[in-house]
PDB file of N, CA and C in Angstrom:
ATOM      1  N   MET A   1      13.668 -41.984 -13.232  1.00  0.00           N
ATOM      2  CA  MET A   1      12.307 -41.696 -13.393  1.00  0.00           C
ATOM      3  C   MET A   1      11.631 -42.474 -14.559  1.00  0.00           C
ATOM      4  N   THR A   2      10.459 -42.905 -14.394  1.00  0.00           N
ATOM      5  CA  THR A   2       9.858 -43.588 -15.476  1.00  0.00           C
ATOM      6  C   THR A   2       9.400 -42.627 -16.617  1.00  0.00           C
ATOM      7  N   ASN A   3       9.149 -43.245 -17.736  1.00  0.00           N
ATOM      8  CA  ASN A   3       8.848 -42.332 -18.917  1.00  0.00           C
ATOM      9  C   ASN A   3       7.388 -41.646 -18.598  1.00  0.00           C
ATOM     10  N   SER A   4       6.548 -42.476 -17.934  1.00  0.00           N
ATOM     11  CA  SER A   4       5.268 -41.969 -17.694  1.00  0.00           C
ATOM     12  C   SER A   4       5.358 -40.645 -16.826  1.00  0.00           C
ATOM     13  N   LEU A   5       6.155 -40.697 -15.713  1.00  0.00           N
ATOM     14  CA  LEU A   5       6.375 -39.482 -14.936  1.00  0.00           C
ATOM     15  C   LEU A   5       7.042 -38.414 -15.699  1.00  0.00           C
ATOM     16  N   MET A   6       8.072 -38.709 -16.576  1.00  0.00           N
ATOM     17  CA  MET A   6       8.619 -37.697 -17.373  1.00  0.00           C
ATOM     18  C   MET A   6       7.668 -37.157 -18.231  1.00  0.00           C
ATOM     19  N   ASN A   7       6.785 -37.872 -18.822  1.00  0.00           N
ATOM     20  CA  ASN A   7       5.719 -37.358 -19.749  1.00  0.00           C
ATOM     21  C   ASN A   7       4.910 -36.414 -19.059  1.00  0.00           C
ATOM     22  N   LYS A   8       4.449 -36.793 -17.792  1.00  0.00           N
ATOM     23  CA  LYS A   8       3.529 -35.967 -17.003  1.00  0.00           C
ATOM     24  C   LYS A   8       4.211 -34.664 -16.629  1.00  0.00           C
ATOM     25  N   LEU A   9       5.558 -34.747 -16.202  1.00  0.00           N
ATOM     26  CA  LEU A   9       6.216 -33.479 -15.858  1.00  0.00           C
ATOM     27  C   LEU A   9       6.331 -32.517 -17.101  1.00  0.00           C
ATOM     28  N   GLU A  10       6.551 -33.168 -18.304  1.00  0.00           N
ATOM     29  CA  GLU A  10       6.662 -32.319 -19.423  1.00  0.00           C
ATOM     30  C   GLU A  10       5.329 -31.715 -19.830  1.00  0.00           C
ATOM     31  N   GLU A  11       4.313 -32.418 -19.605  1.00  0.00           N
ATOM     32  CA  GLU A  11       2.896 -31.939 -19.792  1.00  0.00           C
ATOM     33  C   GLU A  11       2.690 -30.722 -18.944  1.00  0.00           C
ATOM     34  N   LEU A  12       2.987 -30.947 -17.622  1.00  0.00           N
ATOM     35  CA  LEU A  12       2.843 -29.845 -16.618  1.00  0.00           C
ATOM     36  C   LEU A  12       3.673 -28.643 -17.051  1.00  0.00           C
ATOM     37  N   LYS A  13       4.879 -28.833 -17.537  1.00  0.00           N
ATOM     38  CA  LYS A  13       5.670 -27.675 -17.953  1.00  0.00           C
ATOM     39  C   LYS A  13       5.056 -26.910 -19.060  1.00  0.00           C
ATOM     40  N   VAL A  14       4.406 -27.702 -20.130  1.00  0.00           N
ATOM     41  CA  VAL A  14       3.763 -27.073 -21.218  1.00  0.00           C
ATOM     42  C   VAL A  14       2.544 -26.290 -20.699  1.00  0.00           C
ATOM     43  N   LEU A  15       1.806 -26.911 -19.831  1.00  0.00           N
ATOM     44  CA  LEU A  15       0.650 -26.284 -19.344  1.00  0.00           C
ATOM     45  C   LEU A  15       0.944 -24.912 -18.555  1.00  0.00           C
ATOM     46  N   LEU A  16       2.014 -24.937 -17.742  1.00  0.00           N
ATOM     47  CA  LEU A  16       2.456 -23.784 -17.078  1.00  0.00           C
ATOM     48  C   LEU A  16       2.890 -22.629 -18.057  1.00  0.00           C
ATOM     49  N   ASN A  17       3.647 -23.139 -19.016  1.00  0.00           N
ATOM     50  CA  ASN A  17       4.064 -22.048 -19.943  1.00  0.00           C
ATOM     51  C   ASN A  17       2.951 -21.422 -20.796  1.00  0.00           C
ATOM     52  N   GLU A  18       1.896 -22.125 -20.901  1.00  0.00           N
ATOM     53  CA  GLU A  18       0.707 -21.577 -21.558  1.00  0.00           C
ATOM     54  C   GLU A  18      -0.323 -20.985 -20.698  1.00  0.00           C
ATOM     55  N   ASP A  19      -0.151 -20.980 -19.457  1.00  0.00           N
ATOM     56  CA  ASP A  19      -1.091 -20.463 -18.390  1.00  0.00           C
ATOM     57  C   ASP A  19      -1.027 -18.867 -18.607  1.00  0.00           C
ATOM     58  N   GLU A  20      -2.191 -18.382 -18.705  1.00  0.00           N
ATOM     59  CA  GLU A  20      -2.412 -16.918 -18.897  1.00  0.00           C
ATOM     60  C   GLU A  20      -1.798 -16.039 -17.705  1.00  0.00           C
ATOM     61  N   ARG A  21      -1.918 -16.521 -16.522  1.00  0.00           N
ATOM     62  CA  ARG A  21      -1.273 -15.822 -15.344  1.00  0.00           C
ATOM     63  C   ARG A  21       0.186 -15.751 -15.439  1.00  0.00           C
ATOM     64  N   ILE A  22       0.807 -16.867 -15.933  1.00  0.00           N
ATOM     65  CA  ILE A  22       2.308 -16.884 -16.107  1.00  0.00           C
ATOM     66  C   ILE A  22       2.752 -15.972 -17.181  1.00  0.00           C
ATOM     67  N   ILE A  23       2.082 -16.056 -18.272  1.00  0.00           N
ATOM     68  CA  ILE A  23       2.286 -15.215 -19.470  1.00  0.00           C
ATOM     69  C   ILE A  23       2.191 -13.779 -19.156  1.00  0.00           C
ATOM     70  N   HIS A  24       1.215 -13.431 -18.501  1.00  0.00           N
ATOM     71  CA  HIS A  24       0.911 -12.086 -18.119  1.00  0.00           C
ATOM     72  C   HIS A  24       2.133 -11.536 -17.111  1.00  0.00           C
ATOM     73  N   LEU A  25       2.491 -12.390 -16.095  1.00  0.00           N
ATOM     74  CA  LEU A  25       3.559 -12.046 -15.228  1.00  0.00           C
ATOM     75  C   LEU A  25       4.872 -11.826 -16.001  1.00  0.00           C
ATOM     76  N   ASN A  26       5.115 -12.673 -17.022  1.00  0.00           N
ATOM     77  CA  ASN A  26       6.384 -12.595 -17.745  1.00  0.00           C
ATOM     78  C   ASN A  26       6.349 -11.292 -18.596  1.00  0.00           C
ATOM     79  N   GLN A  27       5.171 -10.905 -19.203  1.00  0.00           N
ATOM     80  CA  GLN A  27       5.036  -9.701 -19.888  1.00  0.00           C
ATOM     81  C   GLN A  27       5.357  -8.582 -19.012  1.00  0.00           C
ATOM     82  N   LEU A  28       4.663  -8.473 -17.756  1.00  0.00           N
ATOM     83  CA  LEU A  28       4.866  -7.361 -16.916  1.00  0.00           C
ATOM     84  C   LEU A  28       6.291  -7.345 -16.377  1.00  0.00           C
ATOM     85  N   ASP A  29       6.988  -8.422 -16.228  1.00  0.00           N
ATOM     86  CA  ASP A  29       8.324  -8.524 -15.890  1.00  0.00           C
ATOM     87  C   ASP A  29       9.283  -7.859 -16.821  1.00  0.00           C
ATOM     88  N   GLU A  30       9.039  -8.186 -18.155  1.00  0.00           N
ATOM     89  CA  GLU A  30       9.727  -7.512 -19.230  1.00  0.00           C
ATOM     90  C   GLU A  30       9.508  -5.931 -19.256  1.00  0.00           C
ATOM     91  N   GLN A  31       8.231  -5.531 -19.062  1.00  0.00           N
ATOM     92  CA  GLN A  31       7.896  -4.124 -19.045  1.00  0.00           C
ATOM     93  C   GLN A  31       8.586  -3.442 -17.891  1.00  0.00           C
ATOM     94  N   LEU A  32       8.647  -4.159 -16.764  1.00  0.00           N
ATOM     95  CA  LEU A  32       9.337  -3.497 -15.555  1.00  0.00           C
ATOM     96  C   LEU A  32      10.771  -3.148 -15.968  1.00  0.00           C
ATOM     97  N   SER A  33      11.387  -4.220 -16.440  1.00  0.00           N
ATOM     98  CA  SER A  33      12.897  -4.249 -16.945  1.00  0.00           C
ATOM     99  C   SER A  33      13.188  -3.084 -17.939  1.00  0.00           C
ATOM    100  N   ASN A  34      12.247  -2.846 -18.679  1.00  0.00           N
ATOM    101  CA  ASN A  34      12.329  -1.735 -19.712  1.00  0.00           C
ATOM    102  C   ASN A  34      11.943  -0.393 -19.290  1.00  0.00           C
ATOM    103  N   ASN A  35      11.367  -0.204 -18.152  1.00  0.00           N
ATOM    104  CA  ASN A  35      10.746   1.007 -17.685  1.00  0.00           C
ATOM    105  C   ASN A  35      11.713   1.756 -16.965  1.00  0.00           C
ATOM    106  N   GLU A  36      12.128   2.977 -17.578  1.00  0.00           N
ATOM    107  CA  GLU A  36      13.139   3.733 -16.976  1.00  0.00           C
ATOM    108  C   GLU A  36      12.723   4.341 -15.626  1.00  0.00           C
ATOM    109  N   GLU A  37      11.468   4.744 -15.444  1.00  0.00           N
ATOM    110  CA  GLU A  37      10.930   5.334 -14.286  1.00  0.00           C
ATOM    111  C   GLU A  37      11.041   4.264 -13.192  1.00  0.00           C
ATOM    112  N   VAL A  38      10.651   3.134 -13.393  1.00  0.00           N
ATOM    113  CA  VAL A  38      10.709   2.058 -12.294  1.00  0.00           C
ATOM    114  C   VAL A  38      12.135   1.722 -12.027  1.00  0.00           C
ATOM    115  N   MET A  39      12.983   1.748 -12.960  1.00  0.00           N
ATOM    116  CA  MET A  39      14.390   1.329 -12.785  1.00  0.00           C
ATOM    117  C   MET A  39      14.950   2.568 -11.773  1.00  0.00           C
ATOM    118  N   LYS A  40      14.616   3.840 -11.986  1.00  0.00           N
ATOM    119  CA  LYS A  40      15.151   4.898 -11.215  1.00  0.00           C
ATOM    120  C   LYS A  40      14.613   4.762  -9.752  1.00  0.00           C
ATOM    121  N   LEU A  41      13.363   4.388  -9.704  1.00  0.00           N
ATOM    122  CA  LEU A  41      12.819   4.297  -8.281  1.00  0.00           C
ATOM    123  C   LEU A  41      13.289   3.078  -7.573  1.00  0.00           C
ATOM    124  N   SER A  42      13.785   1.999  -8.348  1.00  0.00           N
ATOM    125  CA  SER A  42      14.215   0.826  -7.719  1.00  0.00           C
ATOM    126  C   SER A  42      15.689   1.086  -7.276  1.00  0.00           C
ATOM    127  N   TYR A  43      16.381   1.849  -8.121  1.00  0.00           N
ATOM    128  CA  TYR A  43      17.858   2.161  -7.835  1.00  0.00           C
ATOM    129  C   TYR A  43      17.849   3.103  -6.519  1.00  0.00           C
ATOM    130  N   LYS A  44      16.903   4.143  -6.493  1.00  0.00           N
ATOM    131  CA  LYS A  44      16.946   5.028  -5.310  1.00  0.00           C
ATOM    132  C   LYS A  44      16.594   4.226  -4.013  1.00  0.00           C
ATOM    133  N   MET A  45      15.655   3.321  -4.125  1.00  0.00           N
ATOM    134  CA  MET A  45      15.450   2.433  -2.961  1.00  0.00           C
ATOM    135  C   MET A  45      16.669   1.590  -2.700  1.00  0.00           C
ATOM    136  N   ASP A  46      17.350   1.052  -3.502  1.00  0.00           N
ATOM    137  CA  ASP A  46      18.465   0.184  -3.341  1.00  0.00           C
ATOM    138  C   ASP A  46      19.557   0.954  -2.590  1.00  0.00           C
ATOM    139  N   MET A  47      19.806   2.249  -3.136  1.00  0.00           N
ATOM    140  CA  MET A  47      20.820   3.099  -2.531  1.00  0.00           C
ATOM    141  C   MET A  47      20.527   3.545  -1.035  1.00  0.00           C
ATOM    142  N   LEU A  48      19.223   3.839  -0.891  1.00  0.00           N
ATOM    143  CA  LEU A  48      18.842   4.140   0.386  1.00  0.00           C
ATOM    144  C   LEU A  48      18.942   2.873   1.449  1.00  0.00           C
ATOM    145  N   SER A  49      18.807   1.741   0.821  1.00  0.00           N
ATOM    146  CA  SER A  49      18.847   0.559   1.677  1.00  0.00           C
ATOM    147  C   SER A  49      20.348   0.344   2.052  1.00  0.00           C
ATOM    148  N   VAL A  50      21.338   0.616   1.126  1.00  0.00           N
ATOM    149  CA  VAL A  50      22.749   0.513   1.480  1.00  0.00           C
ATOM    150  C   VAL A  50      23.081   1.645   2.411  1.00  0.00           C
ATOM    151  N   GLU A  51      22.566   2.803   2.268  1.00  0.00           N
ATOM    152  CA  GLU A  51      22.803   3.828   3.219  1.00  0.00           C
ATOM    153  C   GLU A  51      22.340   3.481   4.628  1.00  0.00           C
ATOM    154  N   TYR A  52      21.065   2.958   4.656  1.00  0.00           N
ATOM    155  CA  TYR A  52      20.519   2.480   6.000  1.00  0.00           C
ATOM    156  C   TYR A  52      21.495   1.509   6.578  1.00  0.00           C
ATOM    157  N   SER A  53      21.936   0.533   5.806  1.00  0.00           N
ATOM    158  CA  SER A  53      22.772  -0.493   6.441  1.00  0.00           C
ATOM    159  C   SER A  53      24.054   0.154   6.961  1.00  0.00           C
ATOM    160  N   ASP A  54      24.624   1.023   6.186  1.00  0.00           N
ATOM    161  CA  ASP A  54      25.788   1.733   6.588  1.00  0.00           C
ATOM    162  C   ASP A  54      25.576   2.577   7.796  1.00  0.00           C
ATOM    163  N   THR A  55      24.401   3.311   7.919  1.00  0.00           N
ATOM    164  CA  THR A  55      24.084   4.097   9.031  1.00  0.00           C
ATOM    165  C   THR A  55      23.943   3.237  10.268  1.00  0.00           C
ATOM    166  N   LEU A  56      23.475   2.054  10.077  1.00  0.00           N
ATOM    167  CA  LEU A  56      23.307   1.049  11.305  1.00  0.00           C
ATOM    168  C   LEU A  56      24.630   0.778  11.898  1.00  0.00           C
ATOM    169  N   LYS A  57      25.669   0.721  11.134  1.00  0.00           N
ATOM    170  CA  LYS A  57      26.939   0.480  11.582  1.00  0.00           C
ATOM    171  C   LYS A  57      27.598   1.461  12.492  1.00  0.00           C
ATOM    172  N   HIS A  58      27.090   2.711  12.289  1.00  0.00           N
ATOM    173  CA  HIS A  58      27.691   3.810  12.951  1.00  0.00           C
ATOM    174  C   HIS A  58      26.861   4.453  14.082  1.00  0.00           C
ATOM    175  N   PHE A  59      25.509   4.140  14.072  1.00  0.00           N
ATOM    176  CA  PHE A  59      24.584   4.918  15.037  1.00  0.00           C
ATOM    177  C   PHE A  59      23.740   3.790  15.650  1.00  0.00           C
ATOM    178  N   LYS A  60      23.267   4.045  16.692  1.00  0.00           N
ATOM    179  CA  LYS A  60      22.319   3.226  17.613  1.00  0.00           C
ATOM    180  C   LYS A  60      20.976   3.325  16.978  1.00  0.00           C
ATOM    181  N   GLU A  61      20.308   2.083  17.088  1.00  0.00           N
ATOM    182  CA  GLU A  61      18.909   2.047  16.631  1.00  0.00           C
ATOM    183  C   GLU A  61      18.141   3.087  17.405  1.00  0.00           C
ATOM    184  N   GLY A  62      17.086   3.873  16.782  1.00  0.00           N
ATOM    185  CA  GLY A  62      16.462   4.862  17.355  1.00  0.00           C
ATOM    186  C   GLY A  62      17.102   6.264  17.271  1.00  0.00           C
ATOM    187  N   SER A  63      18.206   6.262  16.864  1.00  0.00           N
ATOM    188  CA  SER A  63      18.899   7.617  16.769  1.00  0.00           C
ATOM    189  C   SER A  63      18.390   8.416  15.606  1.00  0.00           C
ATOM    190  N   LYS A  64      18.452   9.768  15.636  1.00  0.00           N
ATOM    191  CA  LYS A  64      17.972  10.585  14.634  1.00  0.00           C
ATOM    192  C   LYS A  64      18.463  10.260  13.231  1.00  0.00           C
ATOM    193  N   GLU A  65      19.720   9.874  13.157  1.00  0.00           N
ATOM    194  CA  GLU A  65      20.427   9.561  11.865  1.00  0.00           C
ATOM    195  C   GLU A  65      19.678   8.248  11.349  1.00  0.00           C
ATOM    196  N   ILE A  66      19.392   7.276  12.160  1.00  0.00           N
ATOM    197  CA  ILE A  66      18.770   6.015  11.701  1.00  0.00           C
ATOM    198  C   ILE A  66      17.415   6.342  11.316  1.00  0.00           C
ATOM    199  N   ASN A  67      16.533   7.031  12.160  1.00  0.00           N
ATOM    200  CA  ASN A  67      15.208   7.367  11.821  1.00  0.00           C
ATOM    201  C   ASN A  67      15.065   8.133  10.561  1.00  0.00           C
ATOM    202  N   ASP A  68      16.030   9.046  10.342  1.00  0.00           N
ATOM    203  CA  ASP A  68      16.019   9.895   9.011  1.00  0.00           C
ATOM    204  C   ASP A  68      16.133   8.981   7.765  1.00  0.00           C
ATOM    205  N   VAL A  69      17.189   8.146   7.918  1.00  0.00           N
ATOM    206  CA  VAL A  69      17.297   7.245   6.662  1.00  0.00           C
ATOM    207  C   VAL A  69      16.150   6.214   6.587  1.00  0.00           C
ATOM    208  N   GLN A  70      15.745   5.711   7.687  1.00  0.00           N
ATOM    209  CA  GLN A  70      14.621   4.812   7.656  1.00  0.00           C
ATOM    210  C   GLN A  70      13.354   5.400   7.136  1.00  0.00           C
ATOM    211  N   THR A  71      13.092   6.698   7.435  1.00  0.00           N
ATOM    212  CA  THR A  71      11.985   7.327   6.811  1.00  0.00           C
ATOM    213  C   THR A  71      12.140   7.511   5.242  1.00  0.00           C
ATOM    214  N   ARG A  72      13.252   7.980   4.855  1.00  0.00           N
ATOM    215  CA  ARG A  72      13.533   8.114   3.411  1.00  0.00           C
ATOM    216  C   ARG A  72      13.350   6.738   2.632  1.00  0.00           C
ATOM    217  N   LEU A  73      13.896   5.744   3.215  1.00  0.00           N
ATOM    218  CA  LEU A  73      13.856   4.446   2.593  1.00  0.00           C
ATOM    219  C   LEU A  73      12.322   3.942   2.620  1.00  0.00           C
ATOM    220  N   TYR A  74      11.472   4.190   3.571  1.00  0.00           N
ATOM    221  CA  TYR A  74      10.159   3.807   3.598  1.00  0.00           C
ATOM    222  C   TYR A  74       9.454   4.604   2.534  1.00  0.00           C
ATOM    223  N   LYS A  75       9.774   5.898   2.406  1.00  0.00           N
ATOM    224  CA  LYS A  75       9.117   6.634   1.289  1.00  0.00           C
ATOM    225  C   LYS A  75       9.498   6.259  -0.098  1.00  0.00           C
ATOM    226  N   ALA A  76      10.743   5.855  -0.196  1.00  0.00           N
ATOM    227  CA  ALA A  76      11.237   5.268  -1.547  1.00  0.00           C
ATOM    228  C   ALA A  76      10.512   3.966  -1.855  1.00  0.00           C
ATOM    229  N   LYS A  77      10.366   3.110  -0.948  1.00  0.00           N
ATOM    230  CA  LYS A  77       9.606   1.863  -1.160  1.00  0.00           C
ATOM    231  C   LYS A  77       8.176   2.082  -1.467  1.00  0.00           C
ATOM    232  N   LEU A  78       7.598   3.062  -0.741  1.00  0.00           N
ATOM    233  CA  LEU A  78       6.185   3.309  -0.922  1.00  0.00           C
ATOM    234  C   LEU A  78       6.004   3.862  -2.422  1.00  0.00           C
ATOM    235  N   GLU A  79       6.939   4.771  -2.811  1.00  0.00           N
ATOM    236  CA  GLU A  79       6.871   5.351  -4.187  1.00  0.00           C
ATOM    237  C   GLU A  79       7.023   4.278  -5.198  1.00  0.00           C
ATOM    238  N   LEU A  80       7.912   3.368  -5.093  1.00  0.00           N
ATOM    239  CA  LEU A  80       8.148   2.325  -5.999  1.00  0.00           C
ATOM    240  C   LEU A  80       6.932   1.419  -6.050  1.00  0.00           C
ATOM    241  N   ASP A  81       6.400   0.966  -4.787  1.00  0.00           N
ATOM    242  CA  ASP A  81       5.333  -0.002  -4.733  1.00  0.00           C
ATOM    243  C   ASP A  81       4.014   0.771  -5.279  1.00  0.00           C
ATOM    244  N   SER A  82       3.982   2.048  -5.292  1.00  0.00           N
ATOM    245  CA  SER A  82       2.752   2.800  -5.740  1.00  0.00           C
ATOM    246  C   SER A  82       2.731   2.944  -7.292  1.00  0.00           C
ATOM    247  N   HIS A  83       3.815   2.673  -7.904  1.00  0.00           N
ATOM    248  CA  HIS A  83       3.903   2.828  -9.338  1.00  0.00           C
ATOM    249  C   HIS A  83       2.947   1.820 -10.045  1.00  0.00           C
ATOM    250  N   PRO A  84       2.034   2.216 -10.926  1.00  0.00           N
ATOM    251  CA  PRO A  84       0.962   1.376 -11.474  1.00  0.00           C
ATOM    252  C   PRO A  84       1.572   0.092 -12.145  1.00  0.00           C
ATOM    253  N   LEU A  85       2.790   0.189 -12.823  1.00  0.00           N
ATOM    254  CA  LEU A  85       3.286  -0.999 -13.357  1.00  0.00           C
ATOM    255  C   LEU A  85       3.826  -2.033 -12.256  1.00  0.00           C
ATOM    256  N   VAL A  86       4.318  -1.410 -11.260  1.00  0.00           N
ATOM    257  CA  VAL A  86       4.788  -2.394 -10.058  1.00  0.00           C
ATOM    258  C   VAL A  86       3.523  -2.900  -9.423  1.00  0.00           C
ATOM    259  N   LYS A  87       2.524  -2.045  -9.253  1.00  0.00           N
ATOM    260  CA  LYS A  87       1.277  -2.656  -8.637  1.00  0.00           C
ATOM    261  C   LYS A  87       0.662  -3.750  -9.448  1.00  0.00           C
ATOM    262  N   SER A  88       0.623  -3.642 -10.801  1.00  0.00           N
ATOM    263  CA  SER A  88       0.075  -4.637 -11.642  1.00  0.00           C
ATOM    264  C   SER A  88       0.998  -5.944 -11.528  1.00  0.00           C
ATOM    265  N   TYR A  89       2.323  -5.668 -11.506  1.00  0.00           N
ATOM    266  CA  TYR A  89       3.269  -6.801 -11.426  1.00  0.00           C
ATOM    267  C   TYR A  89       2.958  -7.628 -10.091  1.00  0.00           C
ATOM    268  N   ASN A  90       2.838  -6.874  -8.975  1.00  0.00           N
ATOM    269  CA  ASN A  90       2.738  -7.521  -7.683  1.00  0.00           C
ATOM    270  C   ASN A  90       1.332  -8.354  -7.643  1.00  0.00           C
ATOM    271  N   ASP A  91       0.305  -7.663  -8.246  1.00  0.00           N
ATOM    272  CA  ASP A  91      -0.893  -8.461  -8.412  1.00  0.00           C
ATOM    273  C   ASP A  91      -0.889  -9.748  -9.098  1.00  0.00           C
ATOM    274  N   ALA A  92      -0.083  -9.631 -10.292  1.00  0.00           N
ATOM    275  CA  ALA A  92       0.049 -10.788 -11.097  1.00  0.00           C
ATOM    276  C   ALA A  92       0.842 -11.877 -10.375  1.00  0.00           C
ATOM    277  N   TYR A  93       1.866 -11.351  -9.736  1.00  0.00           N
ATOM    278  CA  TYR A  93       2.797 -12.224  -8.924  1.00  0.00           C
ATOM    279  C   TYR A  93       2.021 -13.067  -8.008  1.00  0.00           C
ATOM    280  N   LYS A  94       1.024 -12.457  -7.217  1.00  0.00           N
ATOM    281  CA  LYS A  94       0.384 -13.088  -6.210  1.00  0.00           C
ATOM    282  C   LYS A  94      -0.576 -14.220  -6.805  1.00  0.00           C
ATOM    283  N   LYS A  95      -1.026 -13.953  -8.052  1.00  0.00           N
ATOM    284  CA  LYS A  95      -1.907 -15.013  -8.661  1.00  0.00           C
ATOM    285  C   LYS A  95      -1.014 -16.266  -9.138  1.00  0.00           C
ATOM    286  N   VAL A  96       0.219 -15.920  -9.584  1.00  0.00           N
ATOM    287  CA  VAL A  96       1.069 -17.013  -9.874  1.00  0.00           C
ATOM    288  C   VAL A  96       1.538 -17.848  -8.607  1.00  0.00           C
ATOM    289  N   LYS A  97       1.795 -17.045  -7.591  1.00  0.00           N
ATOM    290  CA  LYS A  97       2.222 -17.595  -6.443  1.00  0.00           C
ATOM    291  C   LYS A  97       1.123 -18.672  -5.861  1.00  0.00           C
ATOM    292  N   ASP A  98      -0.038 -18.139  -5.889  1.00  0.00           N
ATOM    293  CA  ASP A  98      -1.236 -19.002  -5.506  1.00  0.00           C
ATOM    294  C   ASP A  98      -1.289 -20.240  -6.322  1.00  0.00           C
ATOM    295  N   LEU A  99      -1.023 -20.143  -7.745  1.00  0.00           N
ATOM    296  CA  LEU A  99      -1.049 -21.242  -8.569  1.00  0.00           C
ATOM    297  C   LEU A  99      -0.010 -22.309  -8.191  1.00  0.00           C
ATOM    298  N   TYR A 100       1.133 -21.736  -7.967  1.00  0.00           N
ATOM    299  CA  TYR A 100       2.318 -22.695  -7.633  1.00  0.00           C
ATOM    300  C   TYR A 100       1.994 -23.335  -6.183  1.00  0.00           C
ATOM    301  N   ARG A 101       1.405 -22.556  -5.236  1.00  0.00           N
ATOM    302  CA  ARG A 101       1.098 -23.074  -3.935  1.00  0.00           C
ATOM    303  C   ARG A 101      -0.051 -24.238  -4.146  1.00  0.00           C
ATOM    304  N   TYR A 102      -0.930 -24.022  -4.951  1.00  0.00           N
ATOM    305  CA  TYR A 102      -1.886 -25.019  -5.286  1.00  0.00           C
ATOM    306  C   TYR A 102      -1.292 -26.341  -5.889  1.00  0.00           C
ATOM    307  N   ILE A 103      -0.486 -26.062  -6.833  1.00  0.00           N
ATOM    308  CA  ILE A 103       0.322 -27.250  -7.535  1.00  0.00           C
ATOM    309  C   ILE A 103       1.065 -28.005  -6.379  1.00  0.00           C
ATOM    310  N   ASN A 104       1.810 -27.365  -5.607  1.00  0.00           N
ATOM    311  CA  ASN A 104       2.651 -27.756  -4.641  1.00  0.00           C
ATOM    312  C   ASN A 104       1.737 -28.802  -3.580  1.00  0.00           C
ATOM    313  N   LYS A 105       0.657 -28.220  -3.262  1.00  0.00           N
ATOM    314  CA  LYS A 105      -0.273 -28.912  -2.351  1.00  0.00           C
ATOM    315  C   LYS A 105      -0.735 -30.268  -3.066  1.00  0.00           C
ATOM    316  N   GLU A 106      -1.205 -30.054  -4.293  1.00  0.00           N
ATOM    317  CA  GLU A 106      -1.688 -31.193  -4.908  1.00  0.00           C
ATOM    318  C   GLU A 106      -0.624 -32.296  -5.219  1.00  0.00           C
ATOM    319  N   ILE A 107       0.465 -31.947  -5.463  1.00  0.00           N
ATOM    320  CA  ILE A 107       1.676 -32.953  -5.773  1.00  0.00           C
ATOM    321  C   ILE A 107       2.133 -33.482  -4.514  1.00  0.00           C
ATOM    322  N   PHE A 108       2.480 -32.705  -3.466  1.00  0.00           N
ATOM    323  CA  PHE A 108       3.070 -33.022  -2.247  1.00  0.00           C
ATOM    324  C   PHE A 108       2.216 -33.302  -1.051  1.00  0.00           C
ATOM    325  N   GLY A 109       1.002 -32.770  -1.150  1.00  0.00           N
ATOM    326  CA  GLY A 109       0.029 -32.961  -0.043  1.00  0.00           C
ATOM    327  C   GLY A 109       0.631 -32.691   1.374  1.00  0.00           C
ATOM    328  N   ASP A 110       0.413 -33.706   2.154  1.00  0.00           N
ATOM    329  CA  ASP A 110       0.916 -33.608   3.568  1.00  0.00           C
ATOM    330  C   ASP A 110       2.508 -33.588   3.650  1.00  0.00           C
ATOM    331  N   PHE A 111       3.130 -33.829   2.576  1.00  0.00           N
ATOM    332  CA  PHE A 111       4.655 -33.836   2.728  1.00  0.00           C
ATOM    333  C   PHE A 111       5.181 -32.373   2.643  1.00  0.00           C
ATOM    334  N   ALA A 112       4.386 -31.380   2.189  1.00  0.00           N
ATOM    335  CA  ALA A 112       4.832 -30.047   2.001  1.00  0.00           C
ATOM    336  C   ALA A 112       4.906 -29.416   3.341  1.00  0.00           C
ATOM    337  N   LEU A 113       5.903 -28.620   3.554  1.00  0.00           N
ATOM    338  CA  LEU A 113       5.991 -27.818   4.761  1.00  0.00           C
ATOM    339  C   LEU A 113       5.212 -26.606   4.749  1.00  0.00           C
TER     340      LEU A 113
END
């Protein structure tokens, strides 16, 4: 790569690291990692996901057992997603995702899939 391109990429990196959307997302990510309530909700959902996977191995789709676990998993995911901190994180994530999508389109244009 040429020095000019390397300099531009470094400049982009600095700009991204200073972008308020990315800073805010990183702050929320740290808060999520340190929030005991969110960790418990996430763990509960993960355990139900494993239970659902295991139940699928033993019962047919649409069975009472599958529907039971599926309902509990849905409720656990809804509970996690409804937590104010998780909602804030998801909103911030969407903004950063849009930023990256814009950058990708500007850099790669018609080449991006």
